[in-house]
Every structure is written in structure tokens, then in C-alpha cells.
Protein backbone atom coordinates (compact mmCIF):
# COMPACT_ATOMS: atom_id res chain seq x y z
CA UNK A 1 154.37 113.68 97.89
CA UNK A 2 155.07 111.45 100.88
CA UNK A 3 153.55 110.65 104.21
CA UNK A 4 155.36 110.62 107.52
CA UNK A 5 157.95 107.94 108.02
CA UNK A 6 155.63 105.97 110.24
CA UNK A 7 156.53 102.96 112.31
CA UNK A 8 155.85 100.52 109.47
CA UNK A 9 158.19 102.27 107.03
CA UNK A 10 160.81 102.90 109.70
CA UNK A 11 160.98 99.19 110.60
CA UNK A 12 161.43 98.20 106.96
CA UNK A 13 164.30 100.65 106.68
CA UNK A 14 165.82 99.40 109.91
CA UNK A 15 165.50 95.77 108.81
CA UNK A 16 168.15 96.20 106.10
CA UNK A 17 171.50 94.77 107.16
CA UNK A 18 174.41 96.51 105.41
CA UNK A 19 177.06 94.92 107.67
CA UNK A 20 178.82 98.27 107.90
CA UNK A 21 177.94 101.57 109.56
CA UNK A 22 179.02 103.82 106.68
CA UNK A 23 176.78 101.94 104.22
CA UNK A 24 173.87 102.39 106.60
CA UNK A 25 174.66 106.09 106.89
CA UNK A 26 174.82 106.49 103.11
CA UNK A 27 171.51 104.70 102.72
CA UNK A 28 169.82 107.01 105.23
CA UNK A 29 171.20 110.05 103.39
CA UNK A 30 170.01 108.70 100.03
CA UNK A 31 166.53 107.92 101.36
CA UNK A 32 166.27 111.38 102.90
CA UNK A 33 166.80 112.91 99.45
CA UNK A 34 164.38 110.52 97.73
CA UNK A 35 161.62 111.18 100.24
CA UNK A 36 161.95 114.98 100.13
CA UNK A 37 162.22 115.44 96.35
CA UNK A 38 160.48 114.46 93.16
CA UNK A 39 161.58 110.80 92.80
CA UNK A 40 160.81 110.75 89.08
CA UNK A 41 163.85 112.95 88.39
CA UNK A 42 167.15 111.45 87.28
CA UNK A 43 169.63 110.67 90.06
CA UNK A 44 172.02 113.48 88.97
CA UNK A 45 169.08 115.91 89.32
CA UNK A 46 167.95 114.43 92.64
CA UNK A 47 171.34 114.66 94.31
CA UNK A 48 172.24 118.35 94.08
CA UNK A 49 175.97 118.15 94.70
CA UNK A 50 178.82 115.92 93.63
CA UNK A 51 179.38 114.46 97.09
CA UNK A 52 175.74 113.27 97.46
CA UNK A 53 175.72 111.76 93.98
CA UNK A 54 179.06 110.03 94.54
CA UNK A 55 177.80 108.55 97.83
CA UNK A 56 174.69 107.22 96.06
CA UNK A 57 176.69 105.52 93.30
CA UNK A 58 179.12 104.05 95.82
CA UNK A 59 176.20 102.49 97.67
CA UNK A 60 174.56 101.06 94.54
CA UNK A 61 177.83 99.74 93.10
CA UNK A 62 179.08 98.20 96.34
CA UNK A 63 179.56 94.44 95.75
CA UNK A 64 178.08 93.74 99.20
CA UNK A 65 174.85 95.62 98.42
CA UNK A 66 172.38 93.90 96.11
CA UNK A 67 168.69 93.57 95.30
CA UNK A 68 168.34 90.90 98.00
CA UNK A 69 169.91 93.23 100.60
CA UNK A 70 166.86 95.48 100.43
CA UNK A 71 164.11 92.90 99.88
CA UNK A 72 165.18 90.69 102.80
CA UNK A 73 165.43 93.84 104.93
CA UNK A 74 161.86 94.83 104.08
CA UNK A 75 160.71 91.32 104.96
CA UNK A 76 162.45 91.50 108.33
CA UNK A 77 160.88 94.88 109.08
CA UNK A 78 157.39 93.67 108.16
CA UNK A 79 157.76 90.67 110.48
CA UNK A 80 158.67 93.01 113.33
CA UNK A 81 155.80 95.36 112.48
CA UNK A 82 153.31 92.49 112.49
CA UNK A 83 154.50 91.33 115.90
CA UNK A 84 153.91 94.80 117.34
CA UNK A 85 150.25 94.90 116.22
CA UNK A 86 147.55 93.94 118.70
CA UNK A 87 144.97 93.18 115.99
CA UNK A 88 145.40 89.49 114.98
CA UNK A 89 143.29 89.81 111.80
CA UNK A 90 144.51 88.17 108.61
CA UNK A 91 146.49 90.34 106.21
CA UNK A 92 146.37 90.16 102.41
CA UNK A 93 149.32 89.33 100.16
CA UNK A 94 148.61 90.41 96.59
CA UNK A 95 150.85 88.99 93.86
CA UNK A 96 151.23 90.38 90.35
CA UNK A 97 153.88 90.72 87.64
CA UNK A 98 155.10 93.93 86.01
CA UNK A 99 156.88 94.09 82.64
CA UNK A 100 159.66 96.67 82.24
CA UNK A 101 160.64 98.41 79.01
CA UNK A 102 164.29 99.29 78.40
CA UNK A 103 164.18 99.29 74.60
CA UNK A 104 166.19 102.51 74.42
CA UNK A 105 169.07 101.05 76.48
CA UNK A 106 172.22 99.39 75.17
CA UNK A 107 172.31 97.08 78.19
CA UNK A 108 170.62 93.78 77.30
CA UNK A 109 168.14 92.44 79.87
CA UNK A 110 166.54 89.81 77.63
CA UNK A 111 163.08 89.87 76.06
CA UNK A 112 159.68 90.46 77.68
CA UNK A 113 157.10 89.69 74.97
CA UNK A 114 158.71 89.92 71.51
CA UNK A 115 162.25 89.14 70.26
CA UNK A 116 162.83 92.88 69.76
CA UNK A 117 161.80 93.87 73.31
CA UNK A 118 164.36 94.56 76.03
CA UNK A 119 163.47 94.31 79.70
CA UNK A 120 162.73 91.97 82.57
CA UNK A 121 159.83 90.98 84.81
CA UNK A 122 159.31 92.17 88.37
CA UNK A 123 157.06 89.85 90.34
CA UNK A 124 155.64 91.55 93.44
CA UNK A 125 154.04 90.41 96.65
CA UNK A 126 152.44 93.55 98.14
CA UNK A 127 151.26 93.24 101.73
CA UNK A 128 148.01 94.91 102.81
CA UNK A 129 146.63 95.04 106.33
CA UNK A 130 143.08 94.04 107.28
CA UNK A 131 141.73 97.45 106.19
CA UNK A 132 143.48 97.02 102.79
CA UNK A 133 146.07 99.72 103.51
CA UNK A 134 149.35 98.94 101.67
CA UNK A 135 152.04 98.43 104.29
CA UNK A 136 155.04 96.88 102.56
CA UNK A 137 156.73 94.85 99.86
CA UNK A 138 157.04 91.33 101.24
CA UNK A 139 158.27 89.79 98.02
CA UNK A 140 159.97 90.90 94.82
CA UNK A 141 161.53 88.58 92.26
CA UNK A 142 163.46 89.66 89.18
CA UNK A 143 162.88 87.35 86.22
CA UNK A 144 165.03 87.48 83.07
CA UNK A 145 163.77 85.86 79.88
CA UNK A 146 167.00 85.10 78.09
CA UNK A 147 166.86 85.55 74.32
CA UNK A 148 168.15 82.03 73.72
CA UNK A 149 164.94 80.70 75.29
CA UNK A 150 162.53 82.64 73.06
CA UNK A 151 160.04 80.40 71.23
CA UNK A 152 160.72 77.37 73.45
CA UNK A 153 157.55 77.53 75.55
CA UNK A 154 156.47 74.06 74.44
CA UNK A 155 159.66 72.57 75.86
CA UNK A 156 159.00 74.14 79.25
CA UNK A 157 155.53 72.59 79.42
CA UNK A 158 157.19 69.20 79.77
CA UNK A 159 159.24 70.31 82.77
CA UNK A 160 158.33 70.38 86.45
CA UNK A 161 156.84 73.46 88.07
CA UNK A 162 160.19 74.35 89.67
CA UNK A 163 161.72 74.90 86.21
CA UNK A 164 158.85 76.98 84.84
CA UNK A 165 158.39 80.74 85.04
CA UNK A 166 155.03 80.12 86.73
CA UNK A 167 157.00 78.94 89.77
CA UNK A 168 157.15 82.65 90.69
CA UNK A 169 153.65 82.31 92.18
CA UNK A 170 154.70 79.41 94.39
CA UNK A 171 157.82 81.30 95.46
CA UNK A 172 155.62 84.21 96.53
CA UNK A 173 153.37 81.87 98.51
CA UNK A 174 156.41 80.32 100.20
CA UNK A 175 157.53 83.80 101.27
CA UNK A 176 154.07 84.24 102.80
CA UNK A 177 154.33 80.89 104.56
CA UNK A 178 157.61 81.94 106.20
CA UNK A 179 156.01 85.25 107.22
CA UNK A 180 153.09 83.41 108.85
CA UNK A 181 155.47 81.08 110.69
CA UNK A 182 157.48 84.04 111.99
CA UNK A 183 154.50 86.13 113.06
CA UNK A 184 151.64 83.70 113.74
CA UNK A 185 149.47 85.84 111.45
CA UNK A 186 147.21 84.35 108.78
CA UNK A 187 147.58 85.55 105.21
CA UNK A 188 145.09 85.63 102.34
CA UNK A 189 146.95 85.20 99.04
CA UNK A 190 145.21 87.07 96.21
CA UNK A 191 146.22 86.28 92.62
CA UNK A 192 144.94 86.59 89.07
CA UNK A 193 144.27 83.86 86.49
CA UNK A 194 147.91 83.10 85.76
CA UNK A 195 148.18 81.65 89.27
CA UNK A 196 145.45 79.04 88.67
CA UNK A 197 147.89 76.17 89.19
CA UNK A 198 147.11 72.87 90.94
CA UNK A 199 150.49 72.81 92.67
CA UNK A 200 149.88 76.27 94.11
CA UNK A 201 146.40 75.42 95.40
CA UNK A 202 147.70 72.26 97.05
CA UNK A 203 150.63 74.17 98.57
CA UNK A 204 148.28 76.71 100.16
CA UNK A 205 145.98 73.99 101.48
CA UNK A 206 148.78 71.92 102.97
CA UNK A 207 150.38 75.00 104.59
CA UNK A 208 147.17 76.45 106.09
CA UNK A 209 147.33 79.49 103.80
CA UNK A 210 144.14 81.10 102.57
CA UNK A 211 143.88 82.00 98.89
CA UNK A 212 141.61 83.76 96.41
CA UNK A 213 142.52 83.01 92.79
CA UNK A 214 140.61 83.98 89.68
CA UNK A 215 140.07 80.74 87.76
CA UNK A 216 141.59 80.38 84.31
CA UNK A 217 140.85 76.69 83.73
CA UNK A 218 137.31 75.49 83.13
CA UNK A 219 137.90 72.39 85.20
CA UNK A 220 135.78 69.27 85.13
CA UNK A 221 134.02 68.42 88.36
CA UNK A 222 134.26 64.70 87.60
CA UNK A 223 136.68 63.30 90.14
CA UNK A 224 136.03 59.59 89.60
CA UNK A 225 137.85 57.46 87.04
CA UNK A 226 134.79 56.66 84.94
CA UNK A 227 134.22 59.16 82.16
CA UNK A 228 130.84 60.44 81.09
CA UNK A 229 129.84 60.31 77.48
CA UNK A 230 131.63 62.90 75.38
CA UNK A 231 128.48 64.87 74.62
CA UNK A 232 127.65 65.09 78.35
CA UNK A 233 131.04 66.38 79.54
CA UNK A 234 130.10 70.04 79.14
CA UNK A 235 127.55 69.98 81.95
CA UNK A 236 130.29 68.94 84.39
CA UNK A 237 132.45 71.98 83.63
CA UNK A 238 132.96 74.55 86.38
CA UNK A 239 131.99 77.61 84.36
CA UNK A 240 128.83 75.98 82.99
CA UNK A 241 127.69 74.93 86.45
CA UNK A 242 128.27 78.36 88.01
CA UNK A 243 126.47 80.18 85.21
CA UNK A 244 123.38 78.01 85.57
CA UNK A 245 122.97 78.11 89.36
CA UNK A 246 119.41 79.09 90.16
CA UNK A 247 118.47 81.85 92.57
CA UNK A 248 121.74 83.76 92.22
CA UNK A 249 121.85 87.04 94.15
CA UNK A 250 122.24 90.56 92.78
CA UNK A 251 124.83 92.87 94.28
CA UNK A 252 126.30 96.28 93.55
CA UNK A 253 130.04 96.50 93.33
CA UNK A 254 132.90 98.46 91.79
CA UNK A 255 134.60 97.14 88.67
CA UNK A 256 137.35 98.42 86.37
CA UNK A 257 137.18 98.89 82.63
CA UNK A 258 140.00 98.15 80.17
CA UNK A 259 141.54 101.55 80.85
CA UNK A 260 141.61 101.01 84.62
CA UNK A 261 138.77 103.40 85.40
CA UNK A 262 136.43 102.28 88.19
CA UNK A 263 132.67 102.19 87.84
CA UNK A 264 129.77 100.70 89.83
CA UNK A 265 127.64 97.95 88.32
CA UNK A 266 124.93 95.48 89.25
CA UNK A 267 126.29 91.92 89.26
CA UNK A 268 125.05 88.37 89.63
CA UNK A 269 126.54 86.51 92.59
CA UNK A 270 126.59 82.76 93.30
CA UNK A 271 128.84 80.32 95.17
CA UNK A 272 129.32 76.58 95.53
CA UNK A 273 131.93 74.08 96.78
CA UNK A 274 133.64 71.63 94.41
CA UNK A 275 136.12 68.80 94.37
CA UNK A 276 138.54 68.73 91.43
CA UNK A 277 140.82 66.00 90.20
CA UNK A 278 144.37 66.63 91.43
CA UNK A 279 143.29 69.12 94.11
CA UNK A 280 143.67 67.63 97.58
CA UNK A 281 140.74 69.36 99.30
CA UNK A 282 137.41 70.87 98.31
CA UNK A 283 137.49 74.41 96.94
CA UNK A 284 134.79 77.09 96.97
CA UNK A 285 133.99 79.02 93.81
CA UNK A 286 132.42 82.48 93.85
CA UNK A 287 130.87 83.66 90.57
CA UNK A 288 130.44 87.38 89.87
CA UNK A 289 129.10 88.59 86.52
CA UNK A 290 128.17 92.09 85.46
CA UNK A 291 124.52 92.53 84.41
CA UNK A 292 123.27 94.64 81.50
CA UNK A 293 126.72 95.83 80.48
CA UNK A 294 125.70 96.66 76.91
CA UNK A 295 127.10 95.45 73.62
CA UNK A 296 129.70 98.23 73.38
CA UNK A 297 131.88 96.93 76.25
CA UNK A 298 133.24 93.67 77.59
CA UNK A 299 131.20 92.08 80.36
CA UNK A 300 133.12 91.59 83.60
CA UNK A 301 132.97 88.02 84.90
CA UNK A 302 134.95 86.43 87.73
CA UNK A 303 135.21 82.80 88.82
CA UNK A 304 137.04 83.07 92.16
CA UNK A 305 138.52 79.94 93.73
CA UNK A 306 139.10 80.09 97.48
CA UNK A 307 139.51 77.97 100.59
CA UNK A 308 138.00 80.65 102.81
CA UNK A 309 134.74 79.43 104.39
CA UNK A 310 131.53 80.65 102.72
CA UNK A 311 128.13 80.15 104.34
CA UNK A 312 126.19 83.17 103.08
CA UNK A 313 125.88 85.68 100.27
CA UNK A 314 127.59 88.31 102.41
CA UNK A 315 130.63 86.06 102.89
CA UNK A 316 130.71 85.35 99.14
CA UNK A 317 130.53 89.08 98.42
CA UNK A 318 133.41 89.58 100.84
CA UNK A 319 135.53 87.26 98.67
CA UNK A 320 134.84 89.46 95.65
CA UNK A 321 135.68 92.56 97.66
CA UNK A 322 139.03 91.15 98.78
CA UNK A 323 139.86 90.04 95.24
CA UNK A 324 139.18 93.54 93.91
CA UNK A 325 142.02 94.83 96.11
CA UNK A 326 144.39 93.18 93.65
CA UNK A 327 144.11 96.49 91.78
CA UNK A 328 146.24 98.12 94.48
CA UNK A 329 149.33 96.26 93.27
CA UNK A 330 148.65 97.56 89.75
CA UNK A 331 148.70 101.08 91.20
CA UNK A 332 151.98 100.17 92.89
CA UNK A 333 153.40 99.37 89.46
CA UNK A 334 152.39 102.87 88.32
CA UNK A 335 154.18 104.34 91.32
CA UNK A 336 157.29 102.45 90.27
CA UNK A 337 157.09 103.34 86.58
CA UNK A 338 155.73 106.88 86.71
CA UNK A 339 156.47 108.08 90.23
CA UNK A 340 159.99 106.61 90.42
CA UNK A 341 160.74 106.44 86.67
CA UNK A 342 162.56 103.11 86.97
CA UNK A 343 162.57 102.62 83.19
CA UNK A 344 164.51 105.86 82.70
CA UNK A 345 167.38 104.91 85.01
CA UNK A 346 170.87 104.67 83.50
CA UNK A 347 173.18 101.93 84.77
CA UNK A 348 175.80 99.71 83.15
CA UNK A 349 174.89 96.33 84.67
CA UNK A 350 171.89 94.22 85.62
CA UNK A 351 173.08 94.17 89.21
CA UNK A 352 173.12 97.95 89.69
CA UNK A 353 169.80 98.38 87.87
CA UNK A 354 167.93 95.85 90.03
CA UNK A 355 169.64 97.11 93.19
CA UNK A 356 168.40 100.65 92.51
CA UNK A 357 164.90 99.30 91.83
CA UNK A 358 164.88 97.50 95.17
CA UNK A 359 166.08 100.69 96.89
CA UNK A 360 163.20 102.64 95.30
CA UNK A 361 160.60 100.12 96.53
CA UNK A 362 159.90 102.04 99.76
CA UNK A 363 159.66 105.32 97.86
CA UNK A 364 157.07 103.77 95.54
CA UNK A 365 155.22 102.44 98.60
CA UNK A 366 155.11 105.87 100.22
CA UNK A 367 153.74 107.37 97.01
CA UNK A 368 151.09 104.66 96.85
CA UNK A 369 150.07 105.23 100.47
CA UNK A 370 149.74 108.98 99.86
CA UNK A 371 147.17 108.51 97.11
CA UNK A 372 145.47 105.76 99.10
CA UNK A 373 145.00 108.17 102.03
CA UNK A 374 143.45 110.73 99.69
CA UNK A 375 141.04 108.10 98.35
CA UNK A 376 140.12 106.22 101.52
CA UNK A 377 141.03 108.56 104.42
CA UNK A 378 140.34 111.95 102.92
CA UNK A 379 140.43 113.92 106.17
CA UNK A 380 143.98 112.92 107.06
CA UNK A 381 145.79 116.16 108.09
CA UNK A 382 148.24 117.59 105.58
CA UNK A 383 150.96 117.37 108.28
CA UNK A 384 150.94 113.57 107.79
CA UNK A 385 151.82 114.05 104.12
CA UNK A 386 153.91 117.23 103.95
CA UNK A 387 156.24 117.18 106.95
CA UNK A 388 158.11 120.38 106.07
CA UNK A 389 156.54 123.68 107.24
CA UNK A 390 157.82 125.45 104.13
CA UNK A 391 156.05 122.94 101.90
CA UNK A 392 152.83 123.42 103.86
CA UNK A 393 153.10 127.19 103.53
CA UNK A 394 153.72 127.03 99.77
CA UNK A 395 150.81 124.59 99.30
CA UNK A 396 148.47 127.01 101.11
CA UNK A 397 149.51 129.85 98.83
CA UNK A 398 149.24 127.77 95.65
CA UNK A 399 145.78 126.55 96.69
CA UNK A 400 144.52 130.13 96.45
CA UNK A 401 145.63 130.23 92.81
CA UNK A 402 144.86 126.74 91.53
CA UNK A 403 141.93 125.33 93.48
CA UNK A 404 138.45 126.24 92.25
CA UNK A 405 135.40 127.04 94.39
CA UNK A 406 133.95 123.60 93.62
CA UNK A 407 137.10 121.99 95.11
CA UNK A 408 136.44 123.72 98.42
CA UNK A 409 132.98 122.14 98.50
CA UNK A 410 134.43 118.65 97.96
CA UNK A 411 137.22 118.73 100.52
CA UNK A 412 138.35 120.42 103.70
CA UNK A 413 141.47 122.61 103.55
CA UNK A 414 144.80 121.13 104.59
CA UNK A 415 143.72 117.49 104.23
CA UNK A 416 144.96 114.59 102.12
CA UNK A 417 142.21 115.06 99.53
CA UNK A 418 142.82 118.82 99.41
CA UNK A 419 146.51 118.17 98.65
CA UNK A 420 145.73 115.62 95.94
CA UNK A 421 143.26 117.95 94.22
CA UNK A 422 145.83 120.74 94.35
CA UNK A 423 148.43 118.58 92.61
CA UNK A 424 145.82 117.54 90.06
CA UNK A 425 144.94 121.15 89.23
CA UNK A 426 148.64 122.02 88.96
CA UNK A 427 149.06 119.08 86.57
CA UNK A 428 146.17 120.17 84.34
CA UNK A 429 143.33 118.11 85.83
CA UNK A 430 139.84 119.49 85.18
CA UNK A 431 138.54 118.75 88.65
CA UNK A 432 137.15 115.88 90.73
CA UNK A 433 133.52 116.80 89.98
CA UNK A 434 134.05 116.33 86.23
CA UNK A 435 136.85 113.76 85.95
CA UNK A 436 137.05 112.04 89.33
CA UNK A 437 140.36 111.85 91.18
CA UNK A 438 143.44 112.79 89.12
CA UNK A 439 145.48 109.94 87.68
CA UNK A 440 149.13 109.13 88.28
CA UNK A 441 150.47 110.99 85.23
CA UNK A 442 148.64 114.17 86.22
CA UNK A 443 149.71 113.87 89.87
CA UNK A 444 153.39 113.56 89.00
CA UNK A 445 153.18 116.45 86.55
CA UNK A 446 151.66 118.62 89.27
CA UNK A 447 154.15 117.40 91.85
CA UNK A 448 157.12 118.14 89.57
CA UNK A 449 155.76 121.68 89.13
CA UNK A 450 155.34 121.99 92.90
CA UNK A 451 158.97 120.94 93.49
CA UNK A 452 160.21 123.50 90.96
CA UNK A 453 158.27 126.25 92.68
CA UNK A 454 159.46 125.01 96.08
CA UNK A 455 163.11 125.61 95.20
CA UNK A 456 162.41 129.22 94.29
CA UNK A 457 160.15 129.65 97.32
CA UNK A 458 162.89 128.46 99.70
CA UNK A 459 165.44 130.71 98.01
CA UNK A 460 163.17 133.74 98.45
CA UNK A 461 162.68 132.95 102.14
CA UNK A 462 166.43 132.56 102.73
CA UNK A 463 167.30 135.79 100.93
CA UNK A 464 164.70 137.90 102.69
């Protein structure tokens, strides 16, 4: 399930420098297979003959091809794409970290959360345009937690930020800074609570980078050296102040529950500027809290720190809207894990594993964009998703069998939403009216079934 190789994707592919024509040719052949098949299959199943599979392994195992080969290429392509755009609006760089699970592998990657776990961290910087469409992977860092370091977190607290794992957030911001310098385009860095770091806020401010960070620390607003009496300190805390602001507004907005399902809720909204000790410039805080959530579920509450200007409720609500787009990078993780099955890959070294993951980054992006089109641009023609006429013909025939009358009322034939609902029905989904849009697991199940039928369909056409 892929969209056309548009200009943005093409430039990211072209940005990769293999320093040899035959490596470039092999890469193009590999990508052609990945983008016309079910990418969740194993590589031996994806590459149908021995020569294709051998070419793939030669590319991945080449000592001159690494994880950085692909990531720096994507960065170069995104710079070129930005320069070609006439709209100067700020883009959004969303950072988040994904844990991998390779517990069934003999190859040791280190731990992720427990001493028994086996895996590594992938820290992503996903670039969105001004309309929140995912356009590329600007940053990806592989982080290994070596087993010898387990249980030594207290020792790392005494070290500088450069030696801590949390430096990943600053590294992502620095990648954004270089992008802005190369393109002249402003970025808005969107990050969750783990990124609530003084050094990061100061870095953004000193580099003219906008940020929206969900606050983790209930900072004191006392910036002078004199301390208030101990019993009075609480009233100077950020969270206390925001929760007691009078005349807060009420807005309607979408939230996510613990299972990732979206729902609409009424929320309180307030904003105010603060100065904090250690932070070089004043910072705005936007407070959003769900109203009347009920005792059976956790109440959503955000304290969003930003250096974007806020002069009205609508501008404050815009901050919350931009922050909510952080969920897109979580969907990108699902594309990686479910759509590309990165945790099922079999390699004999860290280098080949991470190189293959970097290679699959564009495939995961194309999968993400396909579902995004179905959600946000539902009338996109099917030709922009299924480029092969045979695939379009099979989809039309399968729609007669799988789609229900209610589906025809919810979408137009041969559109992005029509295609997504078809895959959902083929994967066992009960329908958009009852269950909403199908989830990733259901989509990939339906897509795998579609690919199986496609092979037989092509064979019948060739033999007739």
C-alpha cells in the first residue's frame, strides 16, 4: 500500500551517495521490490529469485554502506525539497524514541528496560510540512544501552548533558538547526516530557528555533536569590499557577486514550508567560485539561512550554493542535514495527541490522503517508496509491465482494478512503461506522491477503 513516488520521496532517494554506480543500481532495484510488495514479509520472501536476494545482501553487507549512508541522504533530499517549495511557512520536526524488541535473537544489542531485554532505541526526528503531512525522516539515532551500564543511572546524573542519553534530544535539535541554516526555513520542534531539559530550551532560544515541549518539571517561578518561606513555595510552582488561572477558556479538541484511540473532549485552556531560573528567556506555558472525564479514566492534562508568540486564545489553542501532531511519529513507529516488521529481521551484526532499518525508513514513510491520505485527504484518487493497473483492477473486483453497502455511503469509489476500507474489510475489520478507521494490524493483515491474491490474479492474466 504505497503512494506515488512523488518529488519529496524521489529527492530523498536521490540524496543518498553510494560513491559507486552499481550500489546505486542495486538500491533502486531493492526499493522497487519493497515498494511493490508487502514489506512485512521476510527478505527471502520479498525477493523472489536468488539473484535479487543476493544483490540485496551484498548492498546491506557492503562495508561502505551503513546506517548513516541512508540517513544523511534523506537529510540532503529534504533540504533540496524545502528549497523547491514556494511556501515559506514553518515546518514541524517531531522527536520521539522507539524501543525495539529482539528477545528471540541470539545477537546481543544490549538492554532496553530490564536486564533480560534485548534491543536498542531508535530516536526519530520526523519532518511534517505546514499542513502536518509527513514528508521525511530528518533524523534517526541508534542508541545502545550496554549491559555493563545497567543500574548506573545515578552515576550518569552527575555527568554533563553530552554524556547522558537525554542528549539525543539536543542532537535532534542540532540537526534541525543545520536544516534551517541550509534552507532558510523555520522549524517548530515538538517533543514530549522527556525533552523538558534546560539545556535544550536554551539551545532553541539561542538558535532561533521554535519549540513546543510538554513540561515534566513543576518549576518554581521564583527567579531571584531570596527564597520564600517553605510553606509558601507551593504557590510559586508552575502547575499550581496554571491550574488556578481565572477565566480560563473552554475548547473542544481531540485527545488519545491509553490505547491510542482518539476521542473528542471539552477542555480547559489557559496561557501565561514565565521566567524560570536557568532559562535564558521568558517562556510561554499553555495549559490544557480535559473536563468531566469521569472517575473510570485518566484525565488528560498538558502543560506545554513554547517560545512561539501567544496573544489570544486561538493562538494558544494552535499550540495544543501542533503538539497533538506528535502522535504522527507514534504511527510512524507502527509502520516500522508492523508494516516493515523490523523486529523480525535476521542479521548477524549490529551494523547490518541498523543499515537495513535505515533502508526501510522510506518504505515506512510511504506507508504512513498512505494512511494519512485516507484520514485527511479522503478523496485522493486511487491512482496516487496503487500505481499498477493490475492492482487497480483487482481492487475493483475485490471491492464487490468485501465492501458493504454502508461503506459505499461513507466513501467514493476508487479513492484513498475506499482503498483503506477495503483493506480493513479484508483484514477482518467490522466497518468504519462501527469501529472507526481500521488499525495498523488490520490493515497489514488485509494488505498481505491482497498481495497473495494479486500473485494469482497476475498469473491468471498471463496464462489467458
